[in-house]
């Protein structure tokens, strides 16, 4: 089996949208083969500057897939092509 695609979820502690997206991604993992890294942007000044007001953000490497709300179609499309 191929190595799973790695997605990164950029969050902020206490962010209700972040918590919701993390839960939705966990549910998607039951049906799609991907690994999820969760990173708190407040632990890194560069990330805080980059993503500050746009969290949660789902990315694959440098490619942003969605932010604020989960876009399942965009994630499925990315997973299908990678």
PDB file of N, CA and C in Angstrom:
ATOM      1  N   UNK A   1       0.841  -1.180   0.000  1.00  0.00           N
ATOM      2  CA  UNK A   1       0.000   0.000   0.000  1.00  0.00           C
ATOM      3  C   UNK A   1       0.887   1.244   0.000  1.00  0.00           C
ATOM      4  N   UNK A   2       0.497   2.248  -0.721  1.00  0.00           N
ATOM      5  CA  UNK A   2       1.260   3.489  -0.782  1.00  0.00           C
ATOM      6  C   UNK A   2       1.258   4.195   0.563  1.00  0.00           C
ATOM      7  N   UNK A   3       2.299   5.008   0.762  1.00  0.00           N
ATOM      8  CA  UNK A   3       2.324   5.837   1.959  1.00  0.00           C
ATOM      9  C   UNK A   3       1.161   6.815   1.907  1.00  0.00           C
ATOM     10  N   UNK A   4       0.564   7.100   3.059  1.00  0.00           N
ATOM     11  CA  UNK A   4      -0.573   8.021   3.044  1.00  0.00           C
ATOM     12  C   UNK A   4      -0.134   9.448   2.733  1.00  0.00           C
ATOM     13  N   UNK A   5      -1.032  10.194   2.108  1.00  0.00           N
ATOM     14  CA  UNK A   5      -0.825  11.621   1.919  1.00  0.00           C
ATOM     15  C   UNK A   5      -0.825  12.262   3.298  1.00  0.00           C
ATOM     16  N   UNK A   6       0.035  13.237   3.492  1.00  0.00           N
ATOM     17  CA  UNK A   6       0.088  13.942   4.771  1.00  0.00           C
ATOM     18  C   UNK A   6      -0.605  15.285   4.622  1.00  0.00           C
ATOM     19  N   UNK A   7      -1.645  15.484   5.419  1.00  0.00           N
ATOM     20  CA  UNK A   7      -2.321  16.769   5.487  1.00  0.00           C
ATOM     21  C   UNK A   7      -1.960  17.424   6.811  1.00  0.00           C
ATOM     22  N   UNK A   8      -1.902  18.731   6.811  1.00  0.00           N
ATOM     23  CA  UNK A   8      -1.613  19.482   8.023  1.00  0.00           C
ATOM     24  C   UNK A   8      -2.797  20.373   8.340  1.00  0.00           C
ATOM     25  N   UNK A   9      -3.225  20.325   9.587  1.00  0.00           N
ATOM     26  CA  UNK A   9      -4.295  21.191  10.071  1.00  0.00           C
ATOM     27  C   UNK A   9      -3.666  22.219  10.995  1.00  0.00           C
ATOM     28  N   UNK A  10      -3.724  23.473  10.590  1.00  0.00           N
ATOM     29  CA  UNK A  10      -3.221  24.569  11.410  1.00  0.00           C
ATOM     30  C   UNK A  10      -4.370  25.082  12.263  1.00  0.00           C
ATOM     31  N   UNK A  11      -4.130  25.114  13.579  1.00  0.00           N
ATOM     32  CA  UNK A  11      -5.190  25.464  14.523  1.00  0.00           C
ATOM     33  C   UNK A  11      -4.698  26.504  15.531  1.00  0.00           C
ATOM     34  N   UNK A  12      -5.617  26.905  16.362  1.00  0.00           N
ATOM     35  CA  UNK A  12      -5.324  27.720  17.538  1.00  0.00           C
ATOM     36  C   UNK A  12      -6.122  27.085  18.679  1.00  0.00           C
ATOM     37  N   UNK A  13      -5.500  26.907  19.832  1.00  0.00           N
ATOM     38  CA  UNK A  13      -6.171  26.316  20.984  1.00  0.00           C
ATOM     39  C   UNK A  13      -7.366  27.190  21.368  1.00  0.00           C
ATOM     40  N   UNK A  14      -8.498  26.541  21.612  1.00  0.00           N
ATOM     41  CA  UNK A  14      -9.704  27.257  22.002  1.00  0.00           C
ATOM     42  C   UNK A  14     -10.547  27.731  20.837  1.00  0.00           C
ATOM     43  N   UNK A  15     -10.146  27.409  19.623  1.00  0.00           N
ATOM     44  CA  UNK A  15     -10.868  27.819  18.410  1.00  0.00           C
ATOM     45  C   UNK A  15     -11.937  26.767  18.109  1.00  0.00           C
ATOM     46  N   UNK A  16     -13.211  27.156  18.197  1.00  0.00           N
ATOM     47  CA  UNK A  16     -14.278  26.175  17.980  1.00  0.00           C
ATOM     48  C   UNK A  16     -14.325  25.676  16.539  1.00  0.00           C
ATOM     49  N   UNK A  17     -13.995  26.538  15.562  1.00  0.00           N
ATOM     50  CA  UNK A  17     -13.946  26.078  14.168  1.00  0.00           C
ATOM     51  C   UNK A  17     -12.833  25.051  13.977  1.00  0.00           C
ATOM     52  N   UNK A  18     -11.721  25.264  14.686  1.00  0.00           N
ATOM     53  CA  UNK A  18     -10.595  24.326  14.602  1.00  0.00           C
ATOM     54  C   UNK A  18     -10.988  22.963  15.160  1.00  0.00           C
ATOM     55  N   UNK A  19     -11.662  22.974  16.305  1.00  0.00           N
ATOM     56  CA  UNK A  19     -12.093  21.723  16.925  1.00  0.00           C
ATOM     57  C   UNK A  19     -13.061  20.973  16.013  1.00  0.00           C
ATOM     58  N   UNK A  20     -13.977  21.710  15.406  1.00  0.00           N
ATOM     59  CA  UNK A  20     -14.953  21.087  14.508  1.00  0.00           C
ATOM     60  C   UNK A  20     -14.260  20.481  13.290  1.00  0.00           C
ATOM     61  N   UNK A  21     -13.306  21.233  12.693  1.00  0.00           N
ATOM     62  CA  UNK A  21     -12.618  20.721  11.511  1.00  0.00           C
ATOM     63  C   UNK A  21     -11.772  19.500  11.864  1.00  0.00           C
ATOM     64  N   UNK A  22     -11.142  19.519  13.030  1.00  0.00           N
ATOM     65  CA  UNK A  22     -10.337  18.374  13.450  1.00  0.00           C
ATOM     66  C   UNK A  22     -11.222  17.129  13.568  1.00  0.00           C
ATOM     67  N   UNK A  23     -12.399  17.281  14.128  1.00  0.00           N
ATOM     68  CA  UNK A  23     -13.335  16.163  14.252  1.00  0.00           C
ATOM     69  C   UNK A  23     -13.785  15.673  12.875  1.00  0.00           C
ATOM     70  N   UNK A  24     -14.089  16.595  11.968  1.00  0.00           N
ATOM     71  CA  UNK A  24     -14.526  16.217  10.622  1.00  0.00           C
ATOM     72  C   UNK A  24     -13.416  15.484   9.868  1.00  0.00           C
ATOM     73  N   UNK A  25     -12.186  15.935  10.037  1.00  0.00           N
ATOM     74  CA  UNK A  25     -11.060  15.268   9.376  1.00  0.00           C
ATOM     75  C   UNK A  25     -10.851  13.864   9.942  1.00  0.00           C
ATOM     76  N   UNK A  26     -11.023  13.713  11.248  1.00  0.00           N
ATOM     77  CA  UNK A  26     -10.905  12.384  11.860  1.00  0.00           C
ATOM     78  C   UNK A  26     -11.953  11.439  11.270  1.00  0.00           C
ATOM     79  N   UNK A  27     -13.150  11.951  11.040  1.00  0.00           N
ATOM     80  CA  UNK A  27     -14.196  11.133  10.422  1.00  0.00           C
ATOM     81  C   UNK A  27     -13.827  10.766   8.983  1.00  0.00           C
ATOM     82  N   UNK A  28     -13.269  11.720   8.240  1.00  0.00           N
ATOM     83  CA  UNK A  28     -12.845  11.443   6.857  1.00  0.00           C
ATOM     84  C   UNK A  28     -11.752  10.382   6.801  1.00  0.00           C
ATOM     85  N   UNK A  29     -10.888  10.349   7.823  1.00  0.00           N
ATOM     86  CA  UNK A  29      -9.800   9.376   7.847  1.00  0.00           C
ATOM     87  C   UNK A  29     -10.324   7.944   7.887  1.00  0.00           C
ATOM     88  N   UNK A  30     -11.551   7.755   8.325  1.00  0.00           N
ATOM     89  CA  UNK A  30     -12.129   6.412   8.354  1.00  0.00           C
ATOM     90  C   UNK A  30     -12.377   5.890   6.944  1.00  0.00           C
ATOM     91  N   UNK A  31     -12.495   6.796   5.978  1.00  0.00           N
ATOM     92  CA  UNK A  31     -12.842   6.421   4.606  1.00  0.00           C
ATOM     93  C   UNK A  31     -11.749   6.716   3.581  1.00  0.00           C
ATOM     94  N   UNK A  32     -10.798   7.556   3.960  1.00  0.00           N
ATOM     95  CA  UNK A  32      -9.738   7.959   3.035  1.00  0.00           C
ATOM     96  C   UNK A  32      -8.385   7.780   3.708  1.00  0.00           C
ATOM     97  N   UNK A  33      -7.406   7.396   2.912  1.00  0.00           N
ATOM     98  CA  UNK A  33      -6.069   7.078   3.399  1.00  0.00           C
ATOM     99  C   UNK A  33      -5.214   8.343   3.456  1.00  0.00           C
ATOM    100  N   UNK A  34      -5.154   8.989   4.634  1.00  0.00           N
ATOM    101  CA  UNK A  34      -4.257  10.130   4.815  1.00  0.00           C
ATOM    102  C   UNK A  34      -3.838  10.232   6.273  1.00  0.00           C
ATOM    103  N   UNK A  35      -2.697  10.850   6.461  1.00  0.00           N
ATOM    104  CA  UNK A  35      -2.169  11.110   7.788  1.00  0.00           C
ATOM    105  C   UNK A  35      -2.413  12.582   8.102  1.00  0.00           C
ATOM    106  N   UNK A  36      -2.658  12.893   9.366  1.00  0.00           N
ATOM    107  CA  UNK A  36      -2.976  14.263   9.747  1.00  0.00           C
ATOM    108  C   UNK A  36      -2.014  14.772  10.803  1.00  0.00           C
ATOM    109  N   UNK A  37      -1.331  15.865  10.484  1.00  0.00           N
ATOM    110  CA  UNK A  37      -0.504  16.576  11.458  1.00  0.00           C
ATOM    111  C   UNK A  37      -1.297  17.781  11.936  1.00  0.00           C
ATOM    112  N   UNK A  38      -1.314  18.000  13.239  1.00  0.00           N
ATOM    113  CA  UNK A  38      -2.028  19.142  13.804  1.00  0.00           C
ATOM    114  C   UNK A  38      -1.003  20.073  14.429  1.00  0.00           C
ATOM    115  N   UNK A  39      -1.023  21.334  13.986  1.00  0.00           N
ATOM    116  CA  UNK A  39      -0.031  22.305  14.446  1.00  0.00           C
ATOM    117  C   UNK A  39      -0.732  23.539  14.999  1.00  0.00           C
ATOM    118  N   UNK A  40      -0.359  23.907  16.223  1.00  0.00           N
ATOM    119  CA  UNK A  40      -0.868  25.120  16.865  1.00  0.00           C
ATOM    120  C   UNK A  40      -0.045  26.302  16.358  1.00  0.00           C
ATOM    121  N   UNK A  41      -0.685  27.214  15.650  1.00  0.00           N
ATOM    122  CA  UNK A  41       0.054  28.338  15.058  1.00  0.00           C
ATOM    123  C   UNK A  41       0.631  29.272  16.112  1.00  0.00           C
ATOM    124  N   UNK A  42       0.070  29.268  17.323  1.00  0.00           N
ATOM    125  CA  UNK A  42       0.571  30.159  18.365  1.00  0.00           C
ATOM    126  C   UNK A  42       1.923  29.717  18.912  1.00  0.00           C
ATOM    127  N   UNK A  43       2.363  28.517  18.559  1.00  0.00           N
ATOM    128  CA  UNK A  43       3.667  28.023  18.994  1.00  0.00           C
ATOM    129  C   UNK A  43       4.789  28.498  18.073  1.00  0.00           C
ATOM    130  N   UNK A  44       4.443  29.186  16.978  1.00  0.00           N
ATOM    131  CA  UNK A  44       5.439  29.609  15.991  1.00  0.00           C
ATOM    132  C   UNK A  44       5.050  30.977  15.429  1.00  0.00           C
ATOM    133  N   UNK A  45       5.906  31.968  15.645  1.00  0.00           N
ATOM    134  CA  UNK A  45       5.607  33.335  15.188  1.00  0.00           C
ATOM    135  C   UNK A  45       5.356  33.410  13.689  1.00  0.00           C
ATOM    136  N   UNK A  46       6.138  32.686  12.896  1.00  0.00           N
ATOM    137  CA  UNK A  46       5.958  32.720  11.439  1.00  0.00           C
ATOM    138  C   UNK A  46       4.587  32.176  11.039  1.00  0.00           C
ATOM    139  N   UNK A  47       4.184  31.079  11.665  1.00  0.00           N
ATOM    140  CA  UNK A  47       2.869  30.516  11.359  1.00  0.00           C
ATOM    141  C   UNK A  47       1.751  31.442  11.819  1.00  0.00           C
ATOM    142  N   UNK A  48       1.946  32.068  12.966  1.00  0.00           N
ATOM    143  CA  UNK A  48       0.938  33.003  13.466  1.00  0.00           C
ATOM    144  C   UNK A  48       0.763  34.167  12.498  1.00  0.00           C
ATOM    145  N   UNK A  49       1.862  34.665  11.951  1.00  0.00           N
ATOM    146  CA  UNK A  49       1.797  35.759  10.975  1.00  0.00           C
ATOM    147  C   UNK A  49       1.157  35.278   9.667  1.00  0.00           C
ATOM    148  N   UNK A  50       1.488  34.070   9.265  1.00  0.00           N
ATOM    149  CA  UNK A  50       0.999  33.546   7.986  1.00  0.00           C
ATOM    150  C   UNK A  50      -0.498  33.225   8.019  1.00  0.00           C
ATOM    151  N   UNK A  51      -0.944  32.580   9.110  1.00  0.00           N
ATOM    152  CA  UNK A  51      -2.314  32.075   9.152  1.00  0.00           C
ATOM    153  C   UNK A  51      -3.229  32.810  10.129  1.00  0.00           C
ATOM    154  N   UNK A  52      -2.680  33.666  10.951  1.00  0.00           N
ATOM    155  CA  UNK A  52      -3.382  34.364  12.024  1.00  0.00           C
ATOM    156  C   UNK A  52      -4.892  34.375  12.017  1.00  0.00           C
ATOM    157  N   UNK A  53      -5.509  35.101  11.099  1.00  0.00           N
ATOM    158  CA  UNK A  53      -6.953  35.250  11.100  1.00  0.00           C
ATOM    159  C   UNK A  53      -7.689  34.273  10.213  1.00  0.00           C
ATOM    160  N   UNK A  54      -6.971  33.308   9.613  1.00  0.00           N
ATOM    161  CA  UNK A  54      -7.615  32.407   8.643  1.00  0.00           C
ATOM    162  C   UNK A  54      -7.745  30.979   9.136  1.00  0.00           C
ATOM    163  N   UNK A  55      -7.516  30.731  10.387  1.00  0.00           N
ATOM    164  CA  UNK A  55      -7.572  29.359  10.870  1.00  0.00           C
ATOM    165  C   UNK A  55      -9.006  28.908  11.080  1.00  0.00           C
ATOM    166  N   UNK A  56      -9.261  27.639  11.033  1.00  0.00           N
ATOM    167  CA  UNK A  56      -8.346  26.556  10.718  1.00  0.00           C
ATOM    168  C   UNK A  56      -8.012  26.501   9.228  1.00  0.00           C
ATOM    169  N   UNK A  57      -6.825  25.984   8.958  1.00  0.00           N
ATOM    170  CA  UNK A  57      -6.363  25.821   7.576  1.00  0.00           C
ATOM    171  C   UNK A  57      -5.917  24.374   7.393  1.00  0.00           C
ATOM    172  N   UNK A  58      -6.359  23.755   6.301  1.00  0.00           N
ATOM    173  CA  UNK A  58      -5.860  22.429   5.918  1.00  0.00           C
ATOM    174  C   UNK A  58      -4.931  22.629   4.736  1.00  0.00           C
ATOM    175  N   UNK A  59      -3.733  22.057   4.842  1.00  0.00           N
ATOM    176  CA  UNK A  59      -2.745  22.188   3.776  1.00  0.00           C
ATOM    177  C   UNK A  59      -2.079  20.846   3.524  1.00  0.00           C
ATOM    178  N   UNK A  60      -1.533  20.732   2.322  1.00  0.00           N
ATOM    179  CA  UNK A  60      -0.689  19.598   1.954  1.00  0.00           C
ATOM    180  C   UNK A  60       0.613  20.226   1.490  1.00  0.00           C
ATOM    181  N   UNK A  61       1.626  20.140   2.329  1.00  0.00           N
ATOM    182  CA  UNK A  61       2.857  20.863   2.025  1.00  0.00           C
ATOM    183  C   UNK A  61       2.565  22.353   2.040  1.00  0.00           C
ATOM    184  N   UNK A  62       2.936  23.039   0.978  1.00  0.00           N
ATOM    185  CA  UNK A  62       2.697  24.480   0.869  1.00  0.00           C
ATOM    186  C   UNK A  62       1.344  24.803   0.240  1.00  0.00           C
ATOM    187  N   UNK A  63       0.635  23.782  -0.230  1.00  0.00           N
ATOM    188  CA  UNK A  63      -0.646  23.998  -0.907  1.00  0.00           C
ATOM    189  C   UNK A  63      -1.791  24.026   0.098  1.00  0.00           C
ATOM    190  N   UNK A  64      -2.459  25.169   0.189  1.00  0.00           N
ATOM    191  CA  UNK A  64      -3.647  25.285   1.026  1.00  0.00           C
ATOM    192  C   UNK A  64      -4.819  24.626   0.326  1.00  0.00           C
ATOM    193  N   UNK A  65      -5.534  23.785   1.044  1.00  0.00           N
ATOM    194  CA  UNK A  65      -6.685  23.097   0.466  1.00  0.00           C
ATOM    195  C   UNK A  65      -7.981  23.796   0.865  1.00  0.00           C
ATOM    196  N   UNK A  66      -8.097  24.174   2.127  1.00  0.00           N
ATOM    197  CA  UNK A  66      -9.283  24.912   2.567  1.00  0.00           C
ATOM    198  C   UNK A  66      -8.978  25.623   3.885  1.00  0.00           C
ATOM    199  N   UNK A  67      -9.806  26.609   4.200  1.00  0.00           N
ATOM    200  CA  UNK A  67      -9.691  27.282   5.490  1.00  0.00           C
ATOM    201  C   UNK A  67     -11.079  27.678   5.982  1.00  0.00           C
ATOM    202  N   UNK A  68     -11.159  27.969   7.265  1.00  0.00           N
ATOM    203  CA  UNK A  68     -12.409  28.267   7.980  1.00  0.00           C
ATOM    204  C   UNK A  68     -13.308  27.043   8.101  1.00  0.00           C
ATOM    205  N   UNK A  69     -13.733  26.480   6.960  1.00  0.00           N
ATOM    206  CA  UNK A  69     -14.653  25.345   6.966  1.00  0.00           C
ATOM    207  C   UNK A  69     -14.098  24.231   6.089  1.00  0.00           C
ATOM    208  N   UNK A  70     -14.394  22.996   6.469  1.00  0.00           N
ATOM    209  CA  UNK A  70     -13.909  21.846   5.718  1.00  0.00           C
ATOM    210  C   UNK A  70     -14.559  21.791   4.340  1.00  0.00           C
ATOM    211  N   UNK A  71     -13.722  21.680   3.325  1.00  0.00           N
ATOM    212  CA  UNK A  71     -14.204  21.503   1.960  1.00  0.00           C
ATOM    213  C   UNK A  71     -13.885  20.055   1.580  1.00  0.00           C
ATOM    214  N   UNK A  72     -14.842  19.163   1.861  1.00  0.00           N
ATOM    215  CA  UNK A  72     -14.606  17.735   1.622  1.00  0.00           C
ATOM    216  C   UNK A  72     -14.291  17.449   0.166  1.00  0.00           C
ATOM    217  N   UNK A  73     -14.953  18.130  -0.737  1.00  0.00           N
ATOM    218  CA  UNK A  73     -14.710  17.905  -2.164  1.00  0.00           C
ATOM    219  C   UNK A  73     -13.263  18.236  -2.525  1.00  0.00           C
ATOM    220  N   UNK A  74     -12.750  19.350  -2.025  1.00  0.00           N
ATOM    221  CA  UNK A  74     -11.363  19.740  -2.314  1.00  0.00           C
ATOM    222  C   UNK A  74     -10.380  18.737  -1.715  1.00  0.00           C
ATOM    223  N   UNK A  75     -10.669  18.244  -0.518  1.00  0.00           N
ATOM    224  CA  UNK A  75      -9.783  17.262   0.109  1.00  0.00           C
ATOM    225  C   UNK A  75      -9.822  15.949  -0.659  1.00  0.00           C
ATOM    226  N   UNK A  76     -11.003  15.483  -1.011  1.00  0.00           N
ATOM    227  CA  UNK A  76     -11.106  14.241  -1.790  1.00  0.00           C
ATOM    228  C   UNK A  76     -10.377  14.361  -3.126  1.00  0.00           C
ATOM    229  N   UNK A  77     -10.536  15.498  -3.775  1.00  0.00           N
ATOM    230  CA  UNK A  77      -9.859  15.724  -5.056  1.00  0.00           C
ATOM    231  C   UNK A  77      -8.347  15.680  -4.870  1.00  0.00           C
ATOM    232  N   UNK A  78      -7.852  16.330  -3.820  1.00  0.00           N
ATOM    233  CA  UNK A  78      -6.412  16.321  -3.557  1.00  0.00           C
ATOM    234  C   UNK A  78      -5.930  14.891  -3.288  1.00  0.00           C
ATOM    235  N   UNK A  79      -6.652  14.164  -2.454  1.00  0.00           N
ATOM    236  CA  UNK A  79      -6.246  12.797  -2.115  1.00  0.00           C
ATOM    237  C   UNK A  79      -6.259  11.885  -3.336  1.00  0.00           C
ATOM    238  N   UNK A  80      -7.202  12.100  -4.217  1.00  0.00           N
ATOM    239  CA  UNK A  80      -7.318  11.273  -5.421  1.00  0.00           C
ATOM    240  C   UNK A  80      -6.145  11.498  -6.376  1.00  0.00           C
ATOM    241  N   UNK A  81      -5.618  12.707  -6.406  1.00  0.00           N
ATOM    242  CA  UNK A  81      -4.548  13.040  -7.347  1.00  0.00           C
ATOM    243  C   UNK A  81      -3.150  12.935  -6.741  1.00  0.00           C
ATOM    244  N   UNK A  82      -3.050  12.582  -5.456  1.00  0.00           N
ATOM    245  CA  UNK A  82      -1.724  12.489  -4.822  1.00  0.00           C
ATOM    246  C   UNK A  82      -1.513  11.158  -4.165  1.00  0.00           C
TER     247      UNK A  82
END
